[in-house]
Amino acid sequence: MRKINILPSLLAADLGRLADEIRRAEESEADALHIDIMDPHFVPNMSFGPSIVSLARKVSPSLYRNVHLMMSRPDLYVEAFVKAGAQTVQVHVEADCDIHDTLRRIRGLGAKCAIVLNPETPVERLVPYLDEIDEALVMTVHPGFGGQKFIAECLPKVTALHGWRPDLDVMIDGGGNAETIPQAAAAGANMFVAGSYLFGKSDMKEAVSDLRARCREVFGS
């Protein structure tokens, strides 16, 4: 049975209380903190840099740091983010760089590597990389902004990835909540990012526990 992972997305945190919000994610007993890094070329928004990853490592060193590079040239920045404390680095298949080389570099730096695809990208684009990655992320919203509606039409990609490589950790990100995350679990995902849903809860720990229980029910465990 693959491990269920629940990851609060820091993009949805109260940025005026960022250290406290990171601690709240740790105290929720979530499995990792998901940190979105955006450049305004790849997506129509900007977010964090390596200093925020360093902050997360300083504030909650035991909370795993999953870093999603929504960047046109992630290859230019992977070293900086791993040095800052990224433990998994996710890069987009749509990025303007040599994906094979970038994945090898991430692993060579001592981090896990993952690949991401956008809603409009065919899942077959990931086939050449399946033997090189620790996890795959299927975006279930268009990247750039939190709080978007879950795109259920992306779920067949999850099923395809799980069928091609059953041992692969498959993550979904975008519109995750108590209704959509069990749908993704049924499709074959085992890692679930939730931003607005979790950071919007007064009791994040209870919400994380509830999501995990709903997924276990789907998995039959």
C-alpha atoms as a PDB file:
ATOM      1  CA  MET A   1       0.000   0.000   0.000  1.00  0.00           C
ATOM      2  CA  ARG A   2       1.454   3.357  -1.010  1.00  0.00           C
ATOM      3  CA  LYS A   3       1.772   5.974   1.696  1.00  0.00           C
ATOM      4  CA  ILE A   4      -0.816   8.753   1.708  1.00  0.00           C
ATOM      5  CA  ASN A   5       0.803  12.189   1.804  1.00  0.00           C
ATOM      6  CA  ILE A   6      -1.056  15.396   2.628  1.00  0.00           C
ATOM      7  CA  LEU A   7       0.810  18.609   1.787  1.00  0.00           C
ATOM      8  CA  PRO A   8      -0.395  22.091   2.786  1.00  0.00           C
ATOM      9  CA  SER A   9       0.581  24.627   0.103  1.00  0.00           C
ATOM     10  CA  LEU A  10       2.384  27.620   1.554  1.00  0.00           C
ATOM     11  CA  LEU A  11       1.047  29.815  -1.244  1.00  0.00           C
ATOM     12  CA  ALA A  12      -2.276  29.946   0.624  1.00  0.00           C
ATOM     13  CA  ALA A  13      -0.762  30.917   3.976  1.00  0.00           C
ATOM     14  CA  ASP A  14      -1.107  34.280   5.688  1.00  0.00           C
ATOM     15  CA  LEU A  15       2.069  35.902   4.336  1.00  0.00           C
ATOM     16  CA  GLY A  16       2.137  38.380   7.211  1.00  0.00           C
ATOM     17  CA  ARG A  17       2.581  35.476   9.629  1.00  0.00           C
ATOM     18  CA  LEU A  18       4.630  33.139   7.487  1.00  0.00           C
ATOM     19  CA  ALA A  19       6.772  31.576  10.220  1.00  0.00           C
ATOM     20  CA  ASP A  20       3.686  30.903  12.350  1.00  0.00           C
ATOM     21  CA  GLU A  21       1.890  29.405   9.349  1.00  0.00           C
ATOM     22  CA  ILE A  22       4.809  27.048   8.669  1.00  0.00           C
ATOM     23  CA  ARG A  23       4.699  25.950  12.310  1.00  0.00           C
ATOM     24  CA  ARG A  24       0.943  25.435  12.008  1.00  0.00           C
ATOM     25  CA  ALA A  25       1.504  23.154   9.018  1.00  0.00           C
ATOM     26  CA  GLU A  26       4.038  21.152  11.028  1.00  0.00           C
ATOM     27  CA  GLU A  27       1.725  20.902  14.031  1.00  0.00           C
ATOM     28  CA  SER A  28      -1.074  19.653  11.758  1.00  0.00           C
ATOM     29  CA  GLU A  29       0.939  16.441  11.272  1.00  0.00           C
ATOM     30  CA  ALA A  30       0.944  16.988   7.512  1.00  0.00           C
ATOM     31  CA  ASP A  31       3.521  14.933   5.657  1.00  0.00           C
ATOM     32  CA  ALA A  32       5.318  17.819   3.951  1.00  0.00           C
ATOM     33  CA  LEU A  33       5.131  21.491   3.129  1.00  0.00           C
ATOM     34  CA  HIS A  34       4.510  22.282  -0.540  1.00  0.00           C
ATOM     35  CA  ILE A  35       6.314  25.462  -1.618  1.00  0.00           C
ATOM     36  CA  ASP A  36       5.377  26.977  -4.983  1.00  0.00           C
ATOM     37  CA  ILE A  37       8.059  28.982  -6.749  1.00  0.00           C
ATOM     38  CA  MET A  38       6.807  31.051  -9.703  1.00  0.00           C
ATOM     39  CA  ASP A  39       8.460  33.236 -12.266  1.00  0.00           C
ATOM     40  CA  PRO A  40       6.270  35.720 -14.171  1.00  0.00           C
ATOM     41  CA  HIS A  41       7.296  34.250 -17.512  1.00  0.00           C
ATOM     42  CA  PHE A  42       6.160  30.676 -16.991  1.00  0.00           C
ATOM     43  CA  VAL A  43       2.989  31.678 -15.108  1.00  0.00           C
ATOM     44  CA  PRO A  44       1.172  35.025 -14.707  1.00  0.00           C
ATOM     45  CA  ASN A  45       2.282  35.489 -11.112  1.00  0.00           C
ATOM     46  CA  MET A  46       5.308  35.658  -8.813  1.00  0.00           C
ATOM     47  CA  SER A  47       5.831  34.015  -5.438  1.00  0.00           C
ATOM     48  CA  PHE A  48       8.756  32.915  -3.306  1.00  0.00           C
ATOM     49  CA  GLY A  49      12.508  32.492  -3.661  1.00  0.00           C
ATOM     50  CA  PRO A  50      15.146  30.328  -1.964  1.00  0.00           C
ATOM     51  CA  SER A  51      14.974  32.455   1.199  1.00  0.00           C
ATOM     52  CA  ILE A  52      11.472  31.138   1.939  1.00  0.00           C
ATOM     53  CA  VAL A  53      12.703  27.561   1.646  1.00  0.00           C
ATOM     54  CA  SER A  54      15.495  28.488   4.065  1.00  0.00           C
ATOM     55  CA  LEU A  55      12.912  29.988   6.412  1.00  0.00           C
ATOM     56  CA  ALA A  56      10.883  26.773   6.372  1.00  0.00           C
ATOM     57  CA  ARG A  57      14.004  24.751   7.166  1.00  0.00           C
ATOM     58  CA  LYS A  58      14.889  27.097  10.038  1.00  0.00           C
ATOM     59  CA  VAL A  59      11.391  27.335  11.523  1.00  0.00           C
ATOM     60  CA  SER A  60      10.349  23.667  11.164  1.00  0.00           C
ATOM     61  CA  PRO A  61      13.426  21.598  10.282  1.00  0.00           C
ATOM     62  CA  SER A  62      11.587  18.293  10.635  1.00  0.00           C
ATOM     63  CA  LEU A  63       8.801  19.256   8.188  1.00  0.00           C
ATOM     64  CA  TYR A  64       9.693  17.873   4.751  1.00  0.00           C
ATOM     65  CA  ARG A  65      10.091  20.528   2.047  1.00  0.00           C
ATOM     66  CA  ASN A  66       8.565  19.777  -1.361  1.00  0.00           C
ATOM     67  CA  VAL A  67       9.487  22.566  -3.798  1.00  0.00           C
ATOM     68  CA  HIS A  68       7.577  23.088  -7.051  1.00  0.00           C
ATOM     69  CA  LEU A  69       9.466  25.188  -9.611  1.00  0.00           C
ATOM     70  CA  MET A  70       6.964  26.842 -11.941  1.00  0.00           C
ATOM     71  CA  MET A  71       9.763  28.368 -13.970  1.00  0.00           C
ATOM     72  CA  SER A  72      10.796  28.560 -17.602  1.00  0.00           C
ATOM     73  CA  ARG A  73      14.425  27.779 -16.701  1.00  0.00           C
ATOM     74  CA  PRO A  74      14.404  25.714 -13.503  1.00  0.00           C
ATOM     75  CA  ASP A  75      17.800  24.329 -14.470  1.00  0.00           C
ATOM     76  CA  LEU A  76      19.346  27.685 -13.535  1.00  0.00           C
ATOM     77  CA  TYR A  77      17.975  27.551 -10.000  1.00  0.00           C
ATOM     78  CA  VAL A  78      17.891  23.949  -8.790  1.00  0.00           C
ATOM     79  CA  GLU A  79      21.212  24.250  -6.982  1.00  0.00           C
ATOM     80  CA  ALA A  80      20.100  27.367  -5.095  1.00  0.00           C
ATOM     81  CA  PHE A  81      16.884  25.726  -3.945  1.00  0.00           C
ATOM     82  CA  VAL A  82      18.526  22.482  -2.854  1.00  0.00           C
ATOM     83  CA  LYS A  83      21.133  24.462  -0.921  1.00  0.00           C
ATOM     84  CA  ALA A  84      18.280  26.404   0.693  1.00  0.00           C
ATOM     85  CA  GLY A  85      16.713  23.158   1.908  1.00  0.00           C
ATOM     86  CA  ALA A  86      14.505  21.723  -0.821  1.00  0.00           C
ATOM     87  CA  GLN A  87      14.259  17.956  -0.329  1.00  0.00           C
ATOM     88  CA  THR A  88      12.173  17.226  -3.413  1.00  0.00           C
ATOM     89  CA  VAL A  89      12.397  19.494  -6.449  1.00  0.00           C
ATOM     90  CA  GLN A  90       9.615  19.373  -9.036  1.00  0.00           C
ATOM     91  CA  VAL A  91      10.151  20.744 -12.557  1.00  0.00           C
ATOM     92  CA  HIS A  92       7.667  21.129 -15.390  1.00  0.00           C
ATOM     93  CA  VAL A  93       7.883  19.030 -18.524  1.00  0.00           C
ATOM     94  CA  GLU A  94       6.924  22.249 -20.356  1.00  0.00           C
ATOM     95  CA  ALA A  95      10.065  24.084 -19.126  1.00  0.00           C
ATOM     96  CA  ASP A  96      12.608  25.476 -21.603  1.00  0.00           C
ATOM     97  CA  CYS A  97      15.534  23.296 -20.599  1.00  0.00           C
ATOM     98  CA  ASP A  98      16.956  19.799 -20.936  1.00  0.00           C
ATOM     99  CA  ILE A  99      14.607  17.925 -18.615  1.00  0.00           C
ATOM    100  CA  HIS A 100      16.724  14.751 -18.445  1.00  0.00           C
ATOM    101  CA  ASP A 101      19.783  16.751 -17.448  1.00  0.00           C
ATOM    102  CA  THR A 102      17.861  18.824 -14.914  1.00  0.00           C
ATOM    103  CA  LEU A 103      16.459  15.721 -13.226  1.00  0.00           C
ATOM    104  CA  ARG A 104      19.945  14.201 -13.053  1.00  0.00           C
ATOM    105  CA  ARG A 105      21.321  17.390 -11.540  1.00  0.00           C
ATOM    106  CA  ILE A 106      18.632  17.456  -8.854  1.00  0.00           C
ATOM    107  CA  ARG A 107      19.401  13.883  -7.876  1.00  0.00           C
ATOM    108  CA  GLY A 108      23.130  14.595  -7.989  1.00  0.00           C
ATOM    109  CA  LEU A 109      22.614  17.406  -5.492  1.00  0.00           C
ATOM    110  CA  GLY A 110      21.078  14.919  -3.067  1.00  0.00           C
ATOM    111  CA  ALA A 111      17.385  15.752  -3.502  1.00  0.00           C
ATOM    112  CA  LYS A 112      14.522  13.739  -4.903  1.00  0.00           C
ATOM    113  CA  CYS A 113      13.358  14.755  -8.362  1.00  0.00           C
ATOM    114  CA  ALA A 114       9.867  15.010  -9.777  1.00  0.00           C
ATOM    115  CA  ILE A 115       8.202  16.126 -12.970  1.00  0.00           C
ATOM    116  CA  VAL A 116       5.018  18.154 -13.415  1.00  0.00           C
ATOM    117  CA  LEU A 117       2.551  18.572 -16.251  1.00  0.00           C
ATOM    118  CA  ASN A 118      -0.064  21.247 -16.819  1.00  0.00           C
ATOM    119  CA  PRO A 119      -3.755  20.511 -17.478  1.00  0.00           C
ATOM    120  CA  GLU A 120      -3.447  21.010 -21.233  1.00  0.00           C
ATOM    121  CA  THR A 121      -0.320  18.822 -21.589  1.00  0.00           C
ATOM    122  CA  PRO A 122      -0.823  15.200 -22.742  1.00  0.00           C
ATOM    123  CA  VAL A 123       0.295  12.716 -20.126  1.00  0.00           C
ATOM    124  CA  GLU A 124       2.328  10.875 -22.758  1.00  0.00           C
ATOM    125  CA  ARG A 125       4.875  13.696 -22.502  1.00  0.00           C
ATOM    126  CA  LEU A 126       6.031  12.148 -19.223  1.00  0.00           C
ATOM    127  CA  VAL A 127       6.776   8.683 -20.609  1.00  0.00           C
ATOM    128  CA  PRO A 128      10.470   9.402 -21.445  1.00  0.00           C
ATOM    129  CA  TYR A 129      11.106  10.390 -17.826  1.00  0.00           C
ATOM    130  CA  LEU A 130       9.253   7.701 -15.894  1.00  0.00           C
ATOM    131  CA  ASP A 131      12.392   5.760 -14.990  1.00  0.00           C
ATOM    132  CA  GLU A 132      14.173   8.891 -13.765  1.00  0.00           C
ATOM    133  CA  ILE A 133      11.711  10.383 -11.287  1.00  0.00           C
ATOM    134  CA  ASP A 134      10.642   9.817  -7.700  1.00  0.00           C
ATOM    135  CA  GLU A 135       7.200  11.315  -8.202  1.00  0.00           C
ATOM    136  CA  ALA A 136       4.945  12.905 -10.803  1.00  0.00           C
ATOM    137  CA  LEU A 137       2.661  15.879 -10.220  1.00  0.00           C
ATOM    138  CA  VAL A 138      -0.517  16.303 -12.241  1.00  0.00           C
ATOM    139  CA  MET A 139      -1.767  19.883 -12.057  1.00  0.00           C
ATOM    140  CA  THR A 140      -5.521  19.927 -11.512  1.00  0.00           C
ATOM    141  CA  VAL A 141      -5.720  23.701 -12.025  1.00  0.00           C
ATOM    142  CA  HIS A 142      -3.866  26.051 -14.346  1.00  0.00           C
ATOM    143  CA  PRO A 143      -0.734  27.049 -12.418  1.00  0.00           C
ATOM    144  CA  GLY A 144      -0.248  30.562 -11.132  1.00  0.00           C
ATOM    145  CA  PHE A 145      -2.957  31.278  -8.577  1.00  0.00           C
ATOM    146  CA  GLY A 146      -4.480  29.517  -5.594  1.00  0.00           C
ATOM    147  CA  GLY A 147      -8.162  29.021  -4.956  1.00  0.00           C
ATOM    148  CA  GLN A 148      -9.073  27.730  -8.423  1.00  0.00           C
ATOM    149  CA  LYS A 149     -11.694  25.110  -9.225  1.00  0.00           C
ATOM    150  CA  PHE A 150     -10.535  21.503  -9.499  1.00  0.00           C
ATOM    151  CA  ILE A 151     -10.316  20.227 -13.094  1.00  0.00           C
ATOM    152  CA  ALA A 152     -11.626  16.666 -12.867  1.00  0.00           C
ATOM    153  CA  GLU A 153     -10.793  16.044 -16.534  1.00  0.00           C
ATOM    154  CA  CYS A 154      -7.133  15.762 -15.469  1.00  0.00           C
ATOM    155  CA  LEU A 155      -7.749  12.618 -13.415  1.00  0.00           C
ATOM    156  CA  PRO A 156      -7.312  10.141 -16.311  1.00  0.00           C
ATOM    157  CA  LYS A 157      -3.677  11.316 -16.419  1.00  0.00           C
ATOM    158  CA  VAL A 158      -3.301  10.169 -12.817  1.00  0.00           C
ATOM    159  CA  THR A 159      -4.759   6.787 -13.707  1.00  0.00           C
ATOM    160  CA  ALA A 160      -2.443   6.451 -16.697  1.00  0.00           C
ATOM    161  CA  LEU A 161       0.654   7.244 -14.632  1.00  0.00           C
ATOM    162  CA  HIS A 162      -0.335   4.796 -11.914  1.00  0.00           C
ATOM    163  CA  GLY A 163      -0.930   2.118 -14.540  1.00  0.00           C
ATOM    164  CA  TRP A 164       2.407   2.680 -16.264  1.00  0.00           C
ATOM    165  CA  ARG A 165       4.405   2.646 -13.030  1.00  0.00           C
ATOM    166  CA  PRO A 166       2.379   1.422 -10.030  1.00  0.00           C
ATOM    167  CA  ASP A 167       5.179   2.158  -7.555  1.00  0.00           C
ATOM    168  CA  LEU A 168       5.405   5.818  -8.551  1.00  0.00           C
ATOM    169  CA  ASP A 169       4.192   8.466  -6.131  1.00  0.00           C
ATOM    170  CA  VAL A 170       1.575  10.491  -8.025  1.00  0.00           C
ATOM    171  CA  MET A 171       0.584  13.908  -6.688  1.00  0.00           C
ATOM    172  CA  ILE A 172      -2.259  16.247  -7.560  1.00  0.00           C
ATOM    173  CA  ASP A 173      -2.181  19.983  -6.944  1.00  0.00           C
ATOM    174  CA  GLY A 174      -5.033  22.427  -7.395  1.00  0.00           C
ATOM    175  CA  GLY A 175      -8.531  22.669  -5.980  1.00  0.00           C
ATOM    176  CA  GLY A 176      -7.837  20.010  -3.355  1.00  0.00           C
ATOM    177  CA  ASN A 177     -10.505  19.608  -0.675  1.00  0.00           C
ATOM    178  CA  ALA A 178     -12.561  16.950   1.118  1.00  0.00           C
ATOM    179  CA  GLU A 179     -14.557  16.182  -2.044  1.00  0.00           C
ATOM    180  CA  THR A 180     -11.891  16.322  -4.758  1.00  0.00           C
ATOM    181  CA  ILE A 181      -8.987  14.632  -2.985  1.00  0.00           C
ATOM    182  CA  PRO A 182     -10.866  11.315  -2.577  1.00  0.00           C
ATOM    183  CA  GLN A 183     -11.648  11.492  -6.311  1.00  0.00           C
ATOM    184  CA  ALA A 184      -7.934  11.820  -7.020  1.00  0.00           C
ATOM    185  CA  ALA A 185      -7.189   8.927  -4.664  1.00  0.00           C
ATOM    186  CA  ALA A 186      -9.676   6.756  -6.544  1.00  0.00           C
ATOM    187  CA  ALA A 187      -7.901   7.676  -9.784  1.00  0.00           C
ATOM    188  CA  GLY A 188      -4.552   6.487  -8.412  1.00  0.00           C
ATOM    189  CA  ALA A 189      -2.951   9.468  -6.660  1.00  0.00           C
ATOM    190  CA  ASN A 190      -1.392   9.086  -3.224  1.00  0.00           C
ATOM    191  CA  MET A 191       0.013  12.596  -2.654  1.00  0.00           C
ATOM    192  CA  PHE A 192      -2.356  15.533  -2.282  1.00  0.00           C
ATOM    193  CA  VAL A 193      -1.644  19.253  -2.127  1.00  0.00           C
ATOM    194  CA  ALA A 194      -4.275  21.448  -0.487  1.00  0.00           C
ATOM    195  CA  GLY A 195      -3.711  25.160  -0.052  1.00  0.00           C
ATOM    196  CA  SER A 196      -6.752  27.337   0.513  1.00  0.00           C
ATOM    197  CA  TYR A 197      -8.678  24.406   1.973  1.00  0.00           C
ATOM    198  CA  LEU A 198      -6.138  23.622   4.713  1.00  0.00           C
ATOM    199  CA  PHE A 199      -4.820  27.085   5.553  1.00  0.00           C
ATOM    200  CA  GLY A 200      -8.407  28.322   5.667  1.00  0.00           C
ATOM    201  CA  LYS A 201      -9.252  25.908   8.489  1.00  0.00           C
ATOM    202  CA  SER A 202      -9.035  27.042  12.108  1.00  0.00           C
ATOM    203  CA  ASP A 203      -8.032  23.474  13.014  1.00  0.00           C
ATOM    204  CA  MET A 204      -5.641  22.356  10.279  1.00  0.00           C
ATOM    205  CA  LYS A 205      -4.706  19.198  12.174  1.00  0.00           C
ATOM    206  CA  GLU A 206      -8.298  17.981  12.166  1.00  0.00           C
ATOM    207  CA  ALA A 207      -8.598  18.802   8.451  1.00  0.00           C
ATOM    208  CA  VAL A 208      -5.399  16.903   7.595  1.00  0.00           C
ATOM    209  CA  SER A 209      -6.586  13.910   9.623  1.00  0.00           C
ATOM    210  CA  ASP A 210      -9.953  13.973   7.873  1.00  0.00           C
ATOM    211  CA  LEU A 211      -8.373  14.076   4.400  1.00  0.00           C
ATOM    212  CA  ARG A 212      -6.089  11.183   5.290  1.00  0.00           C
ATOM    213  CA  ALA A 213      -9.025   9.149   6.591  1.00  0.00           C
ATOM    214  CA  ARG A 214     -11.037   9.802   3.431  1.00  0.00           C
ATOM    215  CA  CYS A 215      -8.127   8.592   1.315  1.00  0.00           C
ATOM    216  CA  ARG A 216      -7.663   5.482   3.432  1.00  0.00           C
ATOM    217  CA  GLU A 217     -11.328   4.702   2.933  1.00  0.00           C
ATOM    218  CA  VAL A 218     -10.818   4.917  -0.840  1.00  0.00           C
ATOM    219  CA  PHE A 219      -7.714   2.716  -0.611  1.00  0.00           C
ATOM    220  CA  GLY A 220      -9.540   0.245   1.615  1.00  0.00           C
ATOM    221  CA  SER A 221      -7.068   0.454   4.481  1.00  0.00           C
END
